[in-house]
C-alpha atoms as a PDB file:
ATOM      1  CA  MET A   1     -37.852   6.364  10.415  1.00  0.00           C
ATOM      2  CA  LYS A   2     -37.192   6.219   6.961  1.00  0.00           C
ATOM      3  CA  PRO A   3     -36.212   9.120   4.495  1.00  0.00           C
ATOM      4  CA  MET A   4     -39.117  11.321   3.055  1.00  0.00           C
ATOM      5  CA  THR A   5     -38.951   9.360  -0.231  1.00  0.00           C
ATOM      6  CA  ASP A   6     -37.717   5.592  -1.209  1.00  0.00           C
ATOM      7  CA  LYS A   7     -34.934   6.821  -3.526  1.00  0.00           C
ATOM      8  CA  PRO A   8     -31.347   6.062  -1.848  1.00  0.00           C
ATOM      9  CA  ASP A   9     -29.401   9.252  -2.919  1.00  0.00           C
ATOM     10  CA  LEU A  10     -27.508  12.178  -1.604  1.00  0.00           C
ATOM     11  CA  GLU A  11     -30.153  13.702  -0.784  1.00  0.00           C
ATOM     12  CA  ASN A  12     -32.090  11.405   1.263  1.00  0.00           C
ATOM     13  CA  ALA A  13     -29.136  10.289   2.929  1.00  0.00           C
ATOM     14  CA  TYR A  14     -28.776  14.008   4.283  1.00  0.00           C
ATOM     15  CA  ALA A  15     -31.877  13.769   5.437  1.00  0.00           C
ATOM     16  CA  LEU A  16     -31.289  10.603   7.696  1.00  0.00           C
ATOM     17  CA  ASN A  17     -32.294  10.646  11.493  1.00  0.00           C
ATOM     18  CA  GLY A  18     -31.556   7.908  13.441  1.00  0.00           C
ATOM     19  CA  PRO A  19     -30.349   3.947  12.892  1.00  0.00           C
ATOM     20  CA  ASP A  20     -33.804   2.779  11.443  1.00  0.00           C
ATOM     21  CA  GLY A  21     -33.623   4.812   8.584  1.00  0.00           C
ATOM     22  CA  THR A  22     -30.277   4.592   7.959  1.00  0.00           C
ATOM     23  CA  LYS A  23     -30.235   0.863   7.697  1.00  0.00           C
ATOM     24  CA  SER A  24     -33.589   1.047   5.499  1.00  0.00           C
ATOM     25  CA  LEU A  25     -31.823   3.693   2.882  1.00  0.00           C
ATOM     26  CA  TYR A  26     -28.359   2.153   2.358  1.00  0.00           C
ATOM     27  CA  ALA A  27     -30.377  -1.287   2.155  1.00  0.00           C
ATOM     28  CA  ASP A  28     -31.493  -0.058  -1.138  1.00  0.00           C
ATOM     29  CA  TRP A  29     -28.568   1.419  -2.146  1.00  0.00           C
ATOM     30  CA  ALA A  30     -25.551  -0.954  -1.264  1.00  0.00           C
ATOM     31  CA  GLN A  31     -25.812  -2.778  -4.698  1.00  0.00           C
ATOM     32  CA  THR A  32     -25.937   0.523  -6.904  1.00  0.00           C
ATOM     33  CA  TYR A  33     -23.854   2.502  -4.225  1.00  0.00           C
ATOM     34  CA  ASP A  34     -20.335   2.337  -5.772  1.00  0.00           C
ATOM     35  CA  ASP A  35     -21.318   2.780  -9.580  1.00  0.00           C
ATOM     36  CA  ASN A  36     -24.758   4.959  -9.024  1.00  0.00           C
ATOM     37  CA  PHE A  37     -22.876   7.735  -6.275  1.00  0.00           C
ATOM     38  CA  ALA A  38     -19.214   6.728  -6.146  1.00  0.00           C
ATOM     39  CA  GLN A  39     -18.555   6.749  -9.559  1.00  0.00           C
ATOM     40  CA  SER A  40     -20.766   9.442 -11.108  1.00  0.00           C
ATOM     41  CA  MET A  41     -19.969  11.679  -8.367  1.00  0.00           C
ATOM     42  CA  ALA A  42     -16.245  11.273  -8.631  1.00  0.00           C
ATOM     43  CA  TYR A  43     -16.246  10.463  -5.008  1.00  0.00           C
ATOM     44  CA  ARG A  44     -12.883  11.213  -3.879  1.00  0.00           C
ATOM     45  CA  LEU A  45     -12.824  11.197   0.056  1.00  0.00           C
ATOM     46  CA  PRO A  46     -12.278   7.577   0.511  1.00  0.00           C
ATOM     47  CA  GLN A  47      -8.477   7.956  -1.619  1.00  0.00           C
ATOM     48  CA  ASP A  48      -7.765  11.066   0.081  1.00  0.00           C
ATOM     49  CA  VAL A  49      -8.076   9.768   3.323  1.00  0.00           C
ATOM     50  CA  ALA A  50      -6.461   6.152   2.418  1.00  0.00           C
ATOM     51  CA  LYS A  51      -3.557   8.607   1.340  1.00  0.00           C
ATOM     52  CA  ALA A  52      -3.465  10.282   4.353  1.00  0.00           C
ATOM     53  CA  TYR A  53      -3.511   7.569   6.748  1.00  0.00           C
ATOM     54  CA  PHE A  54      -0.355   5.927   4.210  1.00  0.00           C
ATOM     55  CA  ASP A  55       1.575   8.851   4.517  1.00  0.00           C
ATOM     56  CA  LEU A  56       1.677   8.539   8.241  1.00  0.00           C
ATOM     57  CA  GLY A  57       3.608   4.976   7.819  1.00  0.00           C
ATOM     58  CA  ILE A  58       1.804   3.380  10.117  1.00  0.00           C
ATOM     59  CA  ASN A  59       2.068  -0.018  10.536  1.00  0.00           C
ATOM     60  CA  GLY A  60      -0.472  -2.598  12.390  1.00  0.00           C
ATOM     61  CA  PRO A  61      -4.076  -3.382  12.423  1.00  0.00           C
ATOM     62  CA  VAL A  62      -6.656  -0.264  11.046  1.00  0.00           C
ATOM     63  CA  LEU A  63     -10.742   0.052  11.650  1.00  0.00           C
ATOM     64  CA  ASP A  64     -12.434   1.316   8.902  1.00  0.00           C
ATOM     65  CA  LEU A  65     -15.322   3.266  10.407  1.00  0.00           C
ATOM     66  CA  GLY A  66     -18.233   3.333   8.748  1.00  0.00           C
ATOM     67  CA  ALA A  67     -16.913   1.166   6.154  1.00  0.00           C
ATOM     68  CA  GLY A  68     -19.777   0.911   3.655  1.00  0.00           C
ATOM     69  CA  THR A  69     -18.890  -1.217   0.276  1.00  0.00           C
ATOM     70  CA  GLY A  70     -15.457  -0.805   1.579  1.00  0.00           C
ATOM     71  CA  LEU A  71     -14.379   2.039  -0.675  1.00  0.00           C
ATOM     72  CA  VAL A  72     -11.601   3.375   1.791  1.00  0.00           C
ATOM     73  CA  GLY A  73     -10.529  -0.016   2.425  1.00  0.00           C
ATOM     74  CA  THR A  74     -10.069  -0.825  -1.195  1.00  0.00           C
ATOM     75  CA  SER A  75      -7.818   2.958  -1.517  1.00  0.00           C
ATOM     76  CA  LEU A  76      -5.636   1.153   1.741  1.00  0.00           C
ATOM     77  CA  ALA A  77      -5.196  -2.500   0.165  1.00  0.00           C
ATOM     78  CA  GLU A  78      -3.866  -0.861  -3.015  1.00  0.00           C
ATOM     79  CA  LEU A  79      -1.449   0.990  -0.658  1.00  0.00           C
ATOM     80  CA  ASP A  80      -0.624  -2.260   0.769  1.00  0.00           C
ATOM     81  CA  VAL A  81      -1.996  -1.126   4.147  1.00  0.00           C
ATOM     82  CA  GLY A  82      -3.278  -3.475   6.848  1.00  0.00           C
ATOM     83  CA  PRO A  83      -4.664  -5.850   8.062  1.00  0.00           C
ATOM     84  CA  MET A  84      -7.999  -4.319   8.066  1.00  0.00           C
ATOM     85  CA  ASP A  85     -11.310  -4.817   9.873  1.00  0.00           C
ATOM     86  CA  GLY A  86     -14.374  -3.001   9.090  1.00  0.00           C
ATOM     87  CA  VAL A  87     -17.687  -1.893  10.629  1.00  0.00           C
ATOM     88  CA  ASP A  88     -20.743  -0.551   9.561  1.00  0.00           C
ATOM     89  CA  LEU A  89     -24.301   0.099  10.616  1.00  0.00           C
ATOM     90  CA  SER A  90     -25.896  -2.047   7.437  1.00  0.00           C
ATOM     91  CA  PRO A  91     -25.514  -5.571   6.954  1.00  0.00           C
ATOM     92  CA  GLU A  92     -26.220  -5.090   2.849  1.00  0.00           C
ATOM     93  CA  MET A  93     -23.109  -2.180   2.626  1.00  0.00           C
ATOM     94  CA  MET A  94     -20.877  -4.575   4.176  1.00  0.00           C
ATOM     95  CA  ALA A  95     -21.780  -7.702   1.680  1.00  0.00           C
ATOM     96  CA  GLN A  96     -20.480  -5.412  -0.667  1.00  0.00           C
ATOM     97  CA  ALA A  97     -17.603  -4.818   1.313  1.00  0.00           C
ATOM     98  CA  ALA A  98     -16.612  -8.287   1.827  1.00  0.00           C
ATOM     99  CA  ALA A  99     -17.104  -9.630  -2.076  1.00  0.00           C
ATOM    100  CA  LYS A 100     -14.332  -7.677  -2.349  1.00  0.00           C
ATOM    101  CA  LYS A 101     -11.957  -9.778   0.268  1.00  0.00           C
ATOM    102  CA  ILE A 102      -9.934  -6.942   1.767  1.00  0.00           C
ATOM    103  CA  TYR A 103     -10.538  -7.180   5.412  1.00  0.00           C
ATOM    104  CA  ASN A 104      -9.776  -9.075   7.802  1.00  0.00           C
ATOM    105  CA  ARG A 105     -13.567  -8.800   9.689  1.00  0.00           C
ATOM    106  CA  LEU A 106     -16.721  -7.235   9.391  1.00  0.00           C
ATOM    107  CA  PHE A 107     -19.138  -6.704  11.732  1.00  0.00           C
ATOM    108  CA  GLU A 108     -22.033  -4.901  12.389  1.00  0.00           C
ATOM    109  CA  GLY A 109     -21.433  -1.353  14.785  1.00  0.00           C
ATOM    110  CA  ASP A 110     -23.079   1.615  15.717  1.00  0.00           C
ATOM    111  CA  LEU A 111     -20.467   4.431  16.362  1.00  0.00           C
ATOM    112  CA  THR A 112     -22.748   6.412  18.570  1.00  0.00           C
ATOM    113  CA  LYS A 113     -22.826   3.475  20.884  1.00  0.00           C
ATOM    114  CA  ILE A 114     -19.942   1.256  22.268  1.00  0.00           C
ATOM    115  CA  LEU A 115     -18.661  -0.977  19.215  1.00  0.00           C
ATOM    116  CA  ASP A 116     -17.398  -4.706  19.837  1.00  0.00           C
ATOM    117  CA  VAL A 117     -14.190  -3.647  20.118  1.00  0.00           C
ATOM    118  CA  SER A 118     -11.439  -3.740  23.035  1.00  0.00           C
ATOM    119  CA  ASP A 119      -9.803  -0.287  24.384  1.00  0.00           C
ATOM    120  CA  ALA A 120      -6.631   0.428  22.231  1.00  0.00           C
ATOM    121  CA  HIS A 121      -6.916  -2.186  20.015  1.00  0.00           C
ATOM    122  CA  TYR A 122      -6.174  -1.003  16.864  1.00  0.00           C
ATOM    123  CA  GLN A 123      -2.840   0.762  15.717  1.00  0.00           C
ATOM    124  CA  GLY A 124      -5.274   3.386  13.304  1.00  0.00           C
ATOM    125  CA  ALA A 125      -8.834   3.906  12.694  1.00  0.00           C
ATOM    126  CA  VAL A 126     -10.214   6.164   9.272  1.00  0.00           C
ATOM    127  CA  SER A 127     -13.279   7.197   8.012  1.00  0.00           C
ATOM    128  CA  ALA A 128     -14.668   8.611   4.979  1.00  0.00           C
ATOM    129  CA  GLY A 129     -18.400  10.090   4.326  1.00  0.00           C
ATOM    130  CA  THR A 130     -19.129   9.086   8.042  1.00  0.00           C
ATOM    131  CA  PHE A 131     -19.292  11.951   9.674  1.00  0.00           C
ATOM    132  CA  THR A 132     -21.763  13.931   7.764  1.00  0.00           C
ATOM    133  CA  ASN A 133     -25.010  15.205   7.539  1.00  0.00           C
ATOM    134  CA  GLY A 134     -27.719  13.025   8.939  1.00  0.00           C
ATOM    135  CA  HIS A 135     -25.097  10.358  10.286  1.00  0.00           C
ATOM    136  CA  VAL A 136     -22.710  10.881  12.975  1.00  0.00           C
ATOM    137  CA  GLY A 137     -21.952  13.534  15.200  1.00  0.00           C
ATOM    138  CA  PRO A 138     -18.921  14.599  16.966  1.00  0.00           C
ATOM    139  CA  ASP A 139     -19.615  12.795  20.155  1.00  0.00           C
ATOM    140  CA  ALA A 140     -18.622   9.143  18.549  1.00  0.00           C
ATOM    141  CA  LEU A 141     -15.058  10.450  18.551  1.00  0.00           C
ATOM    142  CA  GLU A 142     -14.635   9.402  21.896  1.00  0.00           C
ATOM    143  CA  GLU A 143     -16.006   6.319  21.245  1.00  0.00           C
ATOM    144  CA  VAL A 144     -12.709   6.064  17.928  1.00  0.00           C
ATOM    145  CA  LEU A 145      -9.938   7.690  20.236  1.00  0.00           C
ATOM    146  CA  ARG A 146     -11.240   4.623  22.440  1.00  0.00           C
ATOM    147  CA  VAL A 147     -10.509   2.217  20.095  1.00  0.00           C
ATOM    148  CA  ILE A 148      -7.239   3.155  18.936  1.00  0.00           C
ATOM    149  CA  LYS A 149      -3.593   2.703  21.068  1.00  0.00           C
ATOM    150  CA  PRO A 150      -1.747   5.295  22.924  1.00  0.00           C
ATOM    151  CA  GLY A 151       0.392   7.148  19.794  1.00  0.00           C
ATOM    152  CA  GLY A 152      -2.189   6.202  16.677  1.00  0.00           C
ATOM    153  CA  TRP A 153      -4.211   8.055  14.518  1.00  0.00           C
ATOM    154  CA  ALA A 154      -7.385   8.040  13.057  1.00  0.00           C
ATOM    155  CA  ILE A 155      -8.287  10.198   9.782  1.00  0.00           C
ATOM    156  CA  LEU A 156     -11.431  11.376   9.636  1.00  0.00           C
ATOM    157  CA  SER A 157     -13.805  13.044   6.872  1.00  0.00           C
ATOM    158  CA  VAL A 158     -16.370  15.113   7.926  1.00  0.00           C
ATOM    159  CA  ASN A 159     -18.575  17.293   6.159  1.00  0.00           C
ATOM    160  CA  SER A 160     -17.674  21.338   6.410  1.00  0.00           C
ATOM    161  CA  HIS A 161     -21.752  22.257   6.959  1.00  0.00           C
ATOM    162  CA  HIS A 162     -21.535  18.825   9.541  1.00  0.00           C
ATOM    163  CA  TRP A 163     -18.513  20.575  11.309  1.00  0.00           C
ATOM    164  CA  ASP A 164     -19.984  23.880  11.940  1.00  0.00           C
ATOM    165  CA  THR A 165     -23.774  23.160  12.742  1.00  0.00           C
ATOM    166  CA  MET A 166     -22.878  19.980  15.151  1.00  0.00           C
ATOM    167  CA  GLY A 167     -19.941  21.502  17.124  1.00  0.00           C
ATOM    168  CA  PHE A 168     -17.028  19.439  16.696  1.00  0.00           C
ATOM    169  CA  GLU A 169     -14.692  22.201  17.938  1.00  0.00           C
ATOM    170  CA  ALA A 170     -16.145  22.115  21.077  1.00  0.00           C
ATOM    171  CA  VAL A 171     -15.819  18.008  21.612  1.00  0.00           C
ATOM    172  CA  LEU A 172     -12.546  18.137  20.546  1.00  0.00           C
ATOM    173  CA  THR A 173     -12.072  20.636  23.519  1.00  0.00           C
ATOM    174  CA  ARG A 174     -13.451  18.384  25.632  1.00  0.00           C
ATOM    175  CA  LEU A 175     -11.696  15.290  24.625  1.00  0.00           C
ATOM    176  CA  SER A 176      -8.621  17.129  24.839  1.00  0.00           C
ATOM    177  CA  ALA A 177      -6.965  15.269  27.309  1.00  0.00           C
ATOM    178  CA  MET A 178      -7.066  12.129  24.540  1.00  0.00           C
ATOM    179  CA  ILE A 179      -5.795  13.864  21.968  1.00  0.00           C
ATOM    180  CA  ALA A 180      -1.837  13.988  21.376  1.00  0.00           C
ATOM    181  CA  GLU A 181      -1.634  16.336  18.391  1.00  0.00           C
ATOM    182  CA  THR A 182      -5.054  17.617  15.845  1.00  0.00           C
ATOM    183  CA  ARG A 183      -4.684  18.351  12.063  1.00  0.00           C
ATOM    184  CA  LYS A 184      -7.058  19.572   9.664  1.00  0.00           C
ATOM    185  CA  VAL A 185      -7.039  20.437   6.249  1.00  0.00           C
ATOM    186  CA  GLU A 186     -10.013  21.198   4.205  1.00  0.00           C
ATOM    187  CA  ILE A 187     -10.591  19.325   1.026  1.00  0.00           C
ATOM    188  CA  ALA A 188     -12.825  18.441  -2.343  1.00  0.00           C
ATOM    189  CA  ILE A 189     -15.565  15.573  -1.439  1.00  0.00           C
ATOM    190  CA  TYR A 190     -15.947  15.091  -5.087  1.00  0.00           C
ATOM    191  CA  GLY A 191     -13.941  15.214  -8.221  1.00  0.00           C
ATOM    192  CA  HIS A 192     -14.329  18.228 -11.542  1.00  0.00           C
ATOM    193  CA  ASP A 193     -16.891  16.054 -12.896  1.00  0.00           C
ATOM    194  CA  ALA A 194     -19.205  16.180 -10.201  1.00  0.00           C
ATOM    195  CA  GLU A 195     -22.508  17.304 -11.048  1.00  0.00           C
ATOM    196  CA  GLY A 196     -25.464  18.531  -8.864  1.00  0.00           C
ATOM    197  CA  GLU A 197     -26.367  20.716  -5.750  1.00  0.00           C
ATOM    198  CA  HIS A 198     -23.667  19.197  -3.810  1.00  0.00           C
ATOM    199  CA  ALA A 199     -21.061  19.023  -6.289  1.00  0.00           C
ATOM    200  CA  GLN A 200     -18.509  21.868  -4.539  1.00  0.00           C
ATOM    201  CA  ASP A 201     -19.185  20.657  -1.167  1.00  0.00           C
ATOM    202  CA  ARG A 202     -16.368  20.386   1.035  1.00  0.00           C
ATOM    203  CA  ALA A 203     -15.043  18.554   4.224  1.00  0.00           C
ATOM    204  CA  TRP A 204     -12.416  18.502   6.308  1.00  0.00           C
ATOM    205  CA  LEU A 205      -9.599  16.326   6.429  1.00  0.00           C
ATOM    206  CA  LEU A 206      -8.953  15.320  10.108  1.00  0.00           C
ATOM    207  CA  GLN A 207      -6.398  13.684  11.980  1.00  0.00           C
ATOM    208  CA  LEU A 208      -6.093  13.222  15.738  1.00  0.00           C
ATOM    209  CA  LYS A 209      -3.292  11.607  17.503  1.00  0.00           C
ATOM    210  CA  ARG A 210      -4.407   9.174  20.643  1.00  0.00           C
ATOM    211  CA  ALA A 211      -2.573  10.327  23.501  1.00  0.00           C
END
């Protein structure tokens, strides 16, 4: 399903419903995403996710879930974290990420299904902006945990509104046998210079340690 208009923006991104609409919107948005959205809105989630992962001192391969144009990967690379792979639903967004030459492997995948990754393959996983309105819900947390090693960490941003409406707490309870530790801190999604209806939106920085 395509968004209500063809304009690639945050409102239409939040209104997405299904992979076809997602691929269509991000195909149109890919070339301007970094400047048109991330820079203009002072989008800070990628840096916050990367810093939280860095602070854990994890060594070994990390998977960037919903890698998009590589904003989280860029922040991880600046912190000398890696090696990194990335997965996304949009080939066009991944083409932008590939141009940054920071990923060992980029591959197409749908986090609401089974990824082309063996069990416990990665030491950790990161994600910014994927668990949000119109995108990925809490059921995908099981797949996130599947691909990381016992003792590894997943650092994920989850839009606060999305957290409440989609029932993340209930899913975490259901997956408790897979989780050794949970941390959750509320953070701003955008910087002080952001403007518009969503400028003050918040997210949970969710940290999950694999049992």
